[in-house]
Amino acid sequence: MATLNITYNGMSSDVPLELDGPVSDVDVRRIAVEVVRSGGVPGLHLAHLREDAFNLYVVDRFRGPRGEDRIYLRPKVPFGA
């Protein structure tokens, strides 16, 4: 079980995902578009979200305190390195 956190338009929400194995950044972005369009993201349902809405987003991956996978999909920020 993994958790995908999507930040879009100033809102952020967690979505539980069943993944069979590692997924690429491209797949994470595609999955995010599908779950947002379908209403699977609490507080964030955009049925007409563009296919490329997350193309310039950053995908970060971390392990949670109990070893669970956490994937963050977030906009790039104009600061930091």
PDB file of N, CA and C in Angstrom:
ATOM      1  N   MET A   1       0.854  -1.177   0.000  1.00  0.00           N
ATOM      2  CA  MET A   1       0.000   0.000   0.000  1.00  0.00           C
ATOM      3  C   MET A   1       0.896   1.234   0.000  1.00  0.00           C
ATOM      4  N   ALA A   2       0.548   2.186  -0.812  1.00  0.00           N
ATOM      5  CA  ALA A   2       1.263   3.458  -0.885  1.00  0.00           C
ATOM      6  C   ALA A   2       0.249   4.580  -0.734  1.00  0.00           C
ATOM      7  N   THR A   3       0.738   5.750  -0.368  1.00  0.00           N
ATOM      8  CA  THR A   3      -0.100   6.928  -0.288  1.00  0.00           C
ATOM      9  C   THR A   3       0.446   7.952  -1.268  1.00  0.00           C
ATOM     10  N   LEU A   4      -0.433   8.443  -2.129  1.00  0.00           N
ATOM     11  CA  LEU A   4      -0.082   9.503  -3.066  1.00  0.00           C
ATOM     12  C   LEU A   4      -0.673  10.799  -2.536  1.00  0.00           C
ATOM     13  N   ASN A   5       0.183  11.784  -2.305  1.00  0.00           N
ATOM     14  CA  ASN A   5      -0.266  13.104  -1.886  1.00  0.00           C
ATOM     15  C   ASN A   5      -0.178  14.010  -3.100  1.00  0.00           C
ATOM     16  N   ILE A   6      -1.314  14.589  -3.484  1.00  0.00           N
ATOM     17  CA  ILE A   6      -1.376  15.472  -4.646  1.00  0.00           C
ATOM     18  C   ILE A   6      -1.632  16.896  -4.163  1.00  0.00           C
ATOM     19  N   THR A   7      -0.780  17.812  -4.597  1.00  0.00           N
ATOM     20  CA  THR A   7      -0.992  19.226  -4.341  1.00  0.00           C
ATOM     21  C   THR A   7      -1.332  19.881  -5.665  1.00  0.00           C
ATOM     22  N   TYR A   8      -2.498  20.541  -5.704  1.00  0.00           N
ATOM     23  CA  TYR A   8      -2.940  21.175  -6.944  1.00  0.00           C
ATOM     24  C   TYR A   8      -3.790  22.388  -6.601  1.00  0.00           C
ATOM     25  N   ASN A   9      -3.472  23.496  -7.215  1.00  0.00           N
ATOM     26  CA  ASN A   9      -4.276  24.704  -7.037  1.00  0.00           C
ATOM     27  C   ASN A   9      -4.422  25.106  -5.572  1.00  0.00           C
ATOM     28  N   GLY A  10      -3.356  24.948  -4.802  1.00  0.00           N
ATOM     29  CA  GLY A  10      -3.371  25.337  -3.399  1.00  0.00           C
ATOM     30  C   GLY A  10      -4.006  24.327  -2.459  1.00  0.00           C
ATOM     31  N   MET A  11      -4.460  23.201  -2.988  1.00  0.00           N
ATOM     32  CA  MET A  11      -5.065  22.157  -2.152  1.00  0.00           C
ATOM     33  C   MET A  11      -4.163  20.936  -2.153  1.00  0.00           C
ATOM     34  N   SER A  12      -4.207  20.181  -1.060  1.00  0.00           N
ATOM     35  CA  SER A  12      -3.399  18.983  -0.936  1.00  0.00           C
ATOM     36  C   SER A  12      -4.256  17.881  -0.330  1.00  0.00           C
ATOM     37  N   SER A  13      -4.125  16.674  -0.873  1.00  0.00           N
ATOM     38  CA  SER A  13      -4.932  15.575  -0.377  1.00  0.00           C
ATOM     39  C   SER A  13      -4.200  14.253  -0.575  1.00  0.00           C
ATOM     40  N   ASP A  14      -4.443  13.296   0.328  1.00  0.00           N
ATOM     41  CA  ASP A  14      -3.854  11.963   0.247  1.00  0.00           C
ATOM     42  C   ASP A  14      -4.807  10.987  -0.424  1.00  0.00           C
ATOM     43  N   VAL A  15      -4.222  10.097  -1.222  1.00  0.00           N
ATOM     44  CA  VAL A  15      -4.987   9.057  -1.904  1.00  0.00           C
ATOM     45  C   VAL A  15      -4.266   7.727  -1.666  1.00  0.00           C
ATOM     46  N   PRO A  16      -4.933   6.728  -1.082  1.00  0.00           N
ATOM     47  CA  PRO A  16      -4.296   5.423  -0.936  1.00  0.00           C
ATOM     48  C   PRO A  16      -4.241   4.711  -2.294  1.00  0.00           C
ATOM     49  N   LEU A  17      -3.122   4.060  -2.564  1.00  0.00           N
ATOM     50  CA  LEU A  17      -2.941   3.348  -3.838  1.00  0.00           C
ATOM     51  C   LEU A  17      -2.434   1.937  -3.592  1.00  0.00           C
ATOM     52  N   GLU A  18      -2.980   1.006  -4.336  1.00  0.00           N
ATOM     53  CA  GLU A  18      -2.446  -0.358  -4.367  1.00  0.00           C
ATOM     54  C   GLU A  18      -1.546  -0.448  -5.583  1.00  0.00           C
ATOM     55  N   LEU A  19      -0.251  -0.575  -5.374  1.00  0.00           N
ATOM     56  CA  LEU A  19       0.697  -0.662  -6.476  1.00  0.00           C
ATOM     57  C   LEU A  19       1.340  -2.041  -6.480  1.00  0.00           C
ATOM     58  N   ASP A  20       1.519  -2.597  -7.671  1.00  0.00           N
ATOM     59  CA  ASP A  20       2.122  -3.927  -7.799  1.00  0.00           C
ATOM     60  C   ASP A  20       3.638  -3.889  -7.687  1.00  0.00           C
ATOM     61  N   GLY A  21       4.197  -2.723  -7.799  1.00  0.00           N
ATOM     62  CA  GLY A  21       5.650  -2.572  -7.734  1.00  0.00           C
ATOM     63  C   GLY A  21       6.002  -1.118  -7.941  1.00  0.00           C
ATOM     64  N   PRO A  22       7.267  -0.863  -8.179  1.00  0.00           N
ATOM     65  CA  PRO A  22       7.688   0.524  -8.412  1.00  0.00           C
ATOM     66  C   PRO A  22       6.999   1.113  -9.643  1.00  0.00           C
ATOM     67  N   VAL A  23       6.673   2.394  -9.579  1.00  0.00           N
ATOM     68  CA  VAL A  23       6.063   3.091 -10.713  1.00  0.00           C
ATOM     69  C   VAL A  23       6.943   4.279 -11.079  1.00  0.00           C
ATOM     70  N   SER A  24       6.981   4.584 -12.357  1.00  0.00           N
ATOM     71  CA  SER A  24       7.794   5.703 -12.843  1.00  0.00           C
ATOM     72  C   SER A  24       7.109   7.027 -12.508  1.00  0.00           C
ATOM     73  N   ASP A  25       7.855   8.106 -12.633  1.00  0.00           N
ATOM     74  CA  ASP A  25       7.286   9.434 -12.429  1.00  0.00           C
ATOM     75  C   ASP A  25       6.168   9.700 -13.435  1.00  0.00           C
ATOM     76  N   VAL A  26       6.356   9.254 -14.662  1.00  0.00           N
ATOM     77  CA  VAL A  26       5.328   9.419 -15.699  1.00  0.00           C
ATOM     78  C   VAL A  26       4.045   8.702 -15.293  1.00  0.00           C
ATOM     79  N   ASP A  27       4.174   7.499 -14.748  1.00  0.00           N
ATOM     80  CA  ASP A  27       2.993   6.758 -14.296  1.00  0.00           C
ATOM     81  C   ASP A  27       2.317   7.438 -13.114  1.00  0.00           C
ATOM     82  N   VAL A  28       3.097   8.001 -12.190  1.00  0.00           N
ATOM     83  CA  VAL A  28       2.523   8.714 -11.050  1.00  0.00           C
ATOM     84  C   VAL A  28       1.679   9.880 -11.547  1.00  0.00           C
ATOM     85  N   ARG A  29       2.197  10.625 -12.502  1.00  0.00           N
ATOM     86  CA  ARG A  29       1.450  11.769 -13.050  1.00  0.00           C
ATOM     87  C   ARG A  29       0.171  11.311 -13.753  1.00  0.00           C
ATOM     88  N   ARG A  30       0.257  10.207 -14.511  1.00  0.00           N
ATOM     89  CA  ARG A  30      -0.918   9.672 -15.214  1.00  0.00           C
ATOM     90  C   ARG A  30      -1.970   9.188 -14.214  1.00  0.00           C
ATOM     91  N   ILE A  31      -1.539   8.479 -13.183  1.00  0.00           N
ATOM     92  CA  ILE A  31      -2.454   8.001 -12.144  1.00  0.00           C
ATOM     93  C   ILE A  31      -3.130   9.187 -11.464  1.00  0.00           C
ATOM     94  N   ALA A  32      -2.361  10.235 -11.177  1.00  0.00           N
ATOM     95  CA  ALA A  32      -2.921  11.422 -10.515  1.00  0.00           C
ATOM     96  C   ALA A  32      -4.018  12.054 -11.362  1.00  0.00           C
ATOM     97  N   VAL A  33      -3.799  12.181 -12.654  1.00  0.00           N
ATOM     98  CA  VAL A  33      -4.827  12.745 -13.530  1.00  0.00           C
ATOM     99  C   VAL A  33      -6.091  11.887 -13.463  1.00  0.00           C
ATOM    100  N   GLU A  34      -5.924  10.579 -13.514  1.00  0.00           N
ATOM    101  CA  GLU A  34      -7.084   9.676 -13.501  1.00  0.00           C
ATOM    102  C   GLU A  34      -7.873   9.769 -12.200  1.00  0.00           C
ATOM    103  N   VAL A  35      -7.171   9.787 -11.052  1.00  0.00           N
ATOM    104  CA  VAL A  35      -7.911   9.816  -9.783  1.00  0.00           C
ATOM    105  C   VAL A  35      -8.563  11.168  -9.528  1.00  0.00           C
ATOM    106  N   VAL A  36      -7.925  12.253  -9.983  1.00  0.00           N
ATOM    107  CA  VAL A  36      -8.545  13.575  -9.829  1.00  0.00           C
ATOM    108  C   VAL A  36      -9.795  13.664 -10.709  1.00  0.00           C
ATOM    109  N   ARG A  37      -9.687  13.205 -11.941  1.00  0.00           N
ATOM    110  CA  ARG A  37     -10.842  13.229 -12.849  1.00  0.00           C
ATOM    111  C   ARG A  37     -12.005  12.390 -12.331  1.00  0.00           C
ATOM    112  N   SER A  38     -11.693  11.265 -11.727  1.00  0.00           N
ATOM    113  CA  SER A  38     -12.743  10.342 -11.277  1.00  0.00           C
ATOM    114  C   SER A  38     -13.381  10.749  -9.950  1.00  0.00           C
ATOM    115  N   GLY A  39     -12.797  11.743  -9.276  1.00  0.00           N
ATOM    116  CA  GLY A  39     -13.326  12.152  -7.977  1.00  0.00           C
ATOM    117  C   GLY A  39     -12.748  11.350  -6.834  1.00  0.00           C
ATOM    118  N   GLY A  40     -11.661  10.628  -7.087  1.00  0.00           N
ATOM    119  CA  GLY A  40     -11.045   9.789  -6.063  1.00  0.00           C
ATOM    120  C   GLY A  40     -10.135  10.522  -5.102  1.00  0.00           C
ATOM    121  N   VAL A  41     -10.016  11.841  -5.262  1.00  0.00           N
ATOM    122  CA  VAL A  41      -9.177  12.635  -4.376  1.00  0.00           C
ATOM    123  C   VAL A  41     -10.086  13.507  -3.519  1.00  0.00           C
ATOM    124  N   PRO A  42     -10.130  13.267  -2.211  1.00  0.00           N
ATOM    125  CA  PRO A  42     -11.014  14.051  -1.346  1.00  0.00           C
ATOM    126  C   PRO A  42     -10.787  15.554  -1.504  1.00  0.00           C
ATOM    127  N   GLY A  43     -11.857  16.280  -1.802  1.00  0.00           N
ATOM    128  CA  GLY A  43     -11.792  17.725  -1.936  1.00  0.00           C
ATOM    129  C   GLY A  43     -11.262  18.233  -3.263  1.00  0.00           C
ATOM    130  N   LEU A  44     -10.965  17.333  -4.184  1.00  0.00           N
ATOM    131  CA  LEU A  44     -10.372  17.748  -5.456  1.00  0.00           C
ATOM    132  C   LEU A  44     -10.935  16.885  -6.585  1.00  0.00           C
ATOM    133  N   HIS A  45     -12.023  17.334  -7.187  1.00  0.00           N
ATOM    134  CA  HIS A  45     -12.623  16.617  -8.308  1.00  0.00           C
ATOM    135  C   HIS A  45     -12.724  17.567  -9.489  1.00  0.00           C
ATOM    136  N   LEU A  46     -11.947  17.314 -10.504  1.00  0.00           N
ATOM    137  CA  LEU A  46     -11.937  18.127 -11.718  1.00  0.00           C
ATOM    138  C   LEU A  46     -12.100  17.184 -12.902  1.00  0.00           C
ATOM    139  N   ALA A  47     -13.334  16.994 -13.324  1.00  0.00           N
ATOM    140  CA  ALA A  47     -13.628  16.018 -14.373  1.00  0.00           C
ATOM    141  C   ALA A  47     -12.938  16.339 -15.693  1.00  0.00           C
ATOM    142  N   HIS A  48     -12.636  17.601 -15.939  1.00  0.00           N
ATOM    143  CA  HIS A  48     -12.035  17.992 -17.220  1.00  0.00           C
ATOM    144  C   HIS A  48     -10.571  18.401 -17.062  1.00  0.00           C
ATOM    145  N   LEU A  49      -9.894  17.825 -16.073  1.00  0.00           N
ATOM    146  CA  LEU A  49      -8.481  18.116 -15.864  1.00  0.00           C
ATOM    147  C   LEU A  49      -7.692  17.709 -17.106  1.00  0.00           C
ATOM    148  N   ARG A  50      -6.821  18.606 -17.552  1.00  0.00           N
ATOM    149  CA  ARG A  50      -6.027  18.329 -18.754  1.00  0.00           C
ATOM    150  C   ARG A  50      -5.085  17.149 -18.533  1.00  0.00           C
ATOM    151  N   GLU A  51      -4.832  16.410 -19.582  1.00  0.00           N
ATOM    152  CA  GLU A  51      -3.943  15.253 -19.542  1.00  0.00           C
ATOM    153  C   GLU A  51      -2.525  15.653 -19.094  1.00  0.00           C
ATOM    154  N   ASP A  52      -2.108  16.853 -19.431  1.00  0.00           N
ATOM    155  CA  ASP A  52      -0.756  17.310 -19.109  1.00  0.00           C
ATOM    156  C   ASP A  52      -0.693  18.181 -17.846  1.00  0.00           C
ATOM    157  N   ALA A  53      -1.714  18.156 -17.043  1.00  0.00           N
ATOM    158  CA  ALA A  53      -1.803  19.040 -15.870  1.00  0.00           C
ATOM    159  C   ALA A  53      -0.621  18.890 -14.912  1.00  0.00           C
ATOM    160  N   PHE A  54      -0.056  17.698 -14.802  1.00  0.00           N
ATOM    161  CA  PHE A  54       1.021  17.452 -13.845  1.00  0.00           C
ATOM    162  C   PHE A  54       2.382  17.257 -14.509  1.00  0.00           C
ATOM    163  N   ASN A  55       2.500  17.548 -15.797  1.00  0.00           N
ATOM    164  CA  ASN A  55       3.756  17.297 -16.519  1.00  0.00           C
ATOM    165  C   ASN A  55       4.959  18.015 -15.915  1.00  0.00           C
ATOM    166  N   LEU A  56       4.781  19.196 -15.391  1.00  0.00           N
ATOM    167  CA  LEU A  56       5.898  19.955 -14.825  1.00  0.00           C
ATOM    168  C   LEU A  56       6.000  19.812 -13.310  1.00  0.00           C
ATOM    169  N   TYR A  57       5.245  18.884 -12.738  1.00  0.00           N
ATOM    170  CA  TYR A  57       5.263  18.669 -11.293  1.00  0.00           C
ATOM    171  C   TYR A  57       6.434  17.776 -10.898  1.00  0.00           C
ATOM    172  N   VAL A  58       6.858  17.932  -9.648  1.00  0.00           N
ATOM    173  CA  VAL A  58       7.926  17.131  -9.075  1.00  0.00           C
ATOM    174  C   VAL A  58       7.310  15.915  -8.377  1.00  0.00           C
ATOM    175  N   VAL A  59       7.948  14.770  -8.519  1.00  0.00           N
ATOM    176  CA  VAL A  59       7.531  13.559  -7.811  1.00  0.00           C
ATOM    177  C   VAL A  59       8.598  13.258  -6.760  1.00  0.00           C
ATOM    178  N   ASP A  60       8.204  13.311  -5.489  1.00  0.00           N
ATOM    179  CA  ASP A  60       9.095  12.980  -4.372  1.00  0.00           C
ATOM    180  C   ASP A  60       8.630  11.669  -3.760  1.00  0.00           C
ATOM    181  N   ARG A  61       9.572  10.856  -3.332  1.00  0.00           N
ATOM    182  CA  ARG A  61       9.246   9.558  -2.720  1.00  0.00           C
ATOM    183  C   ARG A  61       9.946   9.442  -1.363  1.00  0.00           C
ATOM    184  N   PHE A  62       9.190   9.007  -0.363  1.00  0.00           N
ATOM    185  CA  PHE A  62       9.711   8.840   0.985  1.00  0.00           C
ATOM    186  C   PHE A  62       9.137   7.570   1.598  1.00  0.00           C
ATOM    187  N   ARG A  63       9.746   7.109   2.663  1.00  0.00           N
ATOM    188  CA  ARG A  63       9.207   6.023   3.480  1.00  0.00           C
ATOM    189  C   ARG A  63       8.583   6.640   4.719  1.00  0.00           C
ATOM    190  N   GLY A  64       7.364   6.210   5.036  1.00  0.00           N
ATOM    191  CA  GLY A  64       6.695   6.679   6.234  1.00  0.00           C
ATOM    192  C   GLY A  64       7.292   6.033   7.465  1.00  0.00           C
ATOM    193  N   PRO A  65       6.856   6.423   8.653  1.00  0.00           N
ATOM    194  CA  PRO A  65       7.421   5.903   9.901  1.00  0.00           C
ATOM    195  C   PRO A  65       7.225   4.396  10.084  1.00  0.00           C
ATOM    196  N   ARG A  66       6.242   3.817   9.417  1.00  0.00           N
ATOM    197  CA  ARG A  66       6.004   2.373   9.515  1.00  0.00           C
ATOM    198  C   ARG A  66       6.464   1.648   8.255  1.00  0.00           C
ATOM    199  N   GLY A  67       7.299   2.322   7.441  1.00  0.00           N
ATOM    200  CA  GLY A  67       7.860   1.696   6.252  1.00  0.00           C
ATOM    201  C   GLY A  67       6.987   1.790   5.012  1.00  0.00           C
ATOM    202  N   GLU A  68       5.851   2.460   5.108  1.00  0.00           N
ATOM    203  CA  GLU A  68       4.955   2.567   3.955  1.00  0.00           C
ATOM    204  C   GLU A  68       5.508   3.589   2.949  1.00  0.00           C
ATOM    205  N   ASP A  69       5.200   3.373   1.689  1.00  0.00           N
ATOM    206  CA  ASP A  69       5.618   4.294   0.636  1.00  0.00           C
ATOM    207  C   ASP A  69       4.746   5.536   0.643  1.00  0.00           C
ATOM    208  N   ARG A  70       5.379   6.704   0.565  1.00  0.00           N
ATOM    209  CA  ARG A  70       4.682   7.983   0.443  1.00  0.00           C
ATOM    210  C   ARG A  70       5.212   8.648  -0.814  1.00  0.00           C
ATOM    211  N   ILE A  71       4.306   8.992  -1.718  1.00  0.00           N
ATOM    212  CA  ILE A  71       4.667   9.649  -2.968  1.00  0.00           C
ATOM    213  C   ILE A  71       3.995  11.016  -2.968  1.00  0.00           C
ATOM    214  N   TYR A  72       4.783  12.051  -3.188  1.00  0.00           N
ATOM    215  CA  TYR A  72       4.265  13.420  -3.207  1.00  0.00           C
ATOM    216  C   TYR A  72       4.374  13.971  -4.622  1.00  0.00           C
ATOM    217  N   LEU A  73       3.269  14.463  -5.137  1.00  0.00           N
ATOM    218  CA  LEU A  73       3.225  15.111  -6.442  1.00  0.00           C
ATOM    219  C   LEU A  73       2.941  16.578  -6.172  1.00  0.00           C
ATOM    220  N   ARG A  74       3.913  17.430  -6.486  1.00  0.00           N
ATOM    221  CA  ARG A  74       3.792  18.838  -6.107  1.00  0.00           C
ATOM    222  C   ARG A  74       4.362  19.731  -7.200  1.00  0.00           C
ATOM    223  N   PRO A  75       3.910  20.984  -7.227  1.00  0.00           N
ATOM    224  CA  PRO A  75       4.471  21.924  -8.201  1.00  0.00           C
ATOM    225  C   PRO A  75       5.932  22.226  -7.872  1.00  0.00           C
ATOM    226  N   LYS A  76       6.696  22.556  -8.901  1.00  0.00           N
ATOM    227  CA  LYS A  76       8.073  23.008  -8.667  1.00  0.00           C
ATOM    228  C   LYS A  76       8.010  24.348  -7.966  1.00  0.00           C
ATOM    229  N   VAL A  77       9.010  24.600  -7.129  1.00  0.00           N
ATOM    230  CA  VAL A  77       9.062  25.877  -6.424  1.00  0.00           C
ATOM    231  C   VAL A  77      10.196  26.718  -7.000  1.00  0.00           C
ATOM    232  N   PRO A  78      10.070  28.032  -6.973  1.00  0.00           N
ATOM    233  CA  PRO A  78      11.080  28.893  -7.594  1.00  0.00           C
ATOM    234  C   PRO A  78      12.325  29.132  -6.737  1.00  0.00           C
ATOM    235  N   PHE A  79      12.458  28.418  -5.629  1.00  0.00           N
ATOM    236  CA  PHE A  79      13.611  28.605  -4.766  1.00  0.00           C
ATOM    237  C   PHE A  79      14.168  27.244  -4.379  1.00  0.00           C
ATOM    238  N   GLY A  80      15.328  27.230  -3.796  1.00  0.00           N
ATOM    239  CA  GLY A  80      15.946  25.975  -3.372  1.00  0.00           C
ATOM    240  C   GLY A  80      16.789  25.382  -4.482  1.00  0.00           C
ATOM    241  N   ALA A  81      17.461  24.293  -4.124  1.00  0.00           N
ATOM    242  CA  ALA A  81      18.327  23.646  -5.109  1.00  0.00           C
ATOM    243  C   ALA A  81      18.056  22.172  -5.156  1.00  0.00           C
TER     244      ALA A  81
END
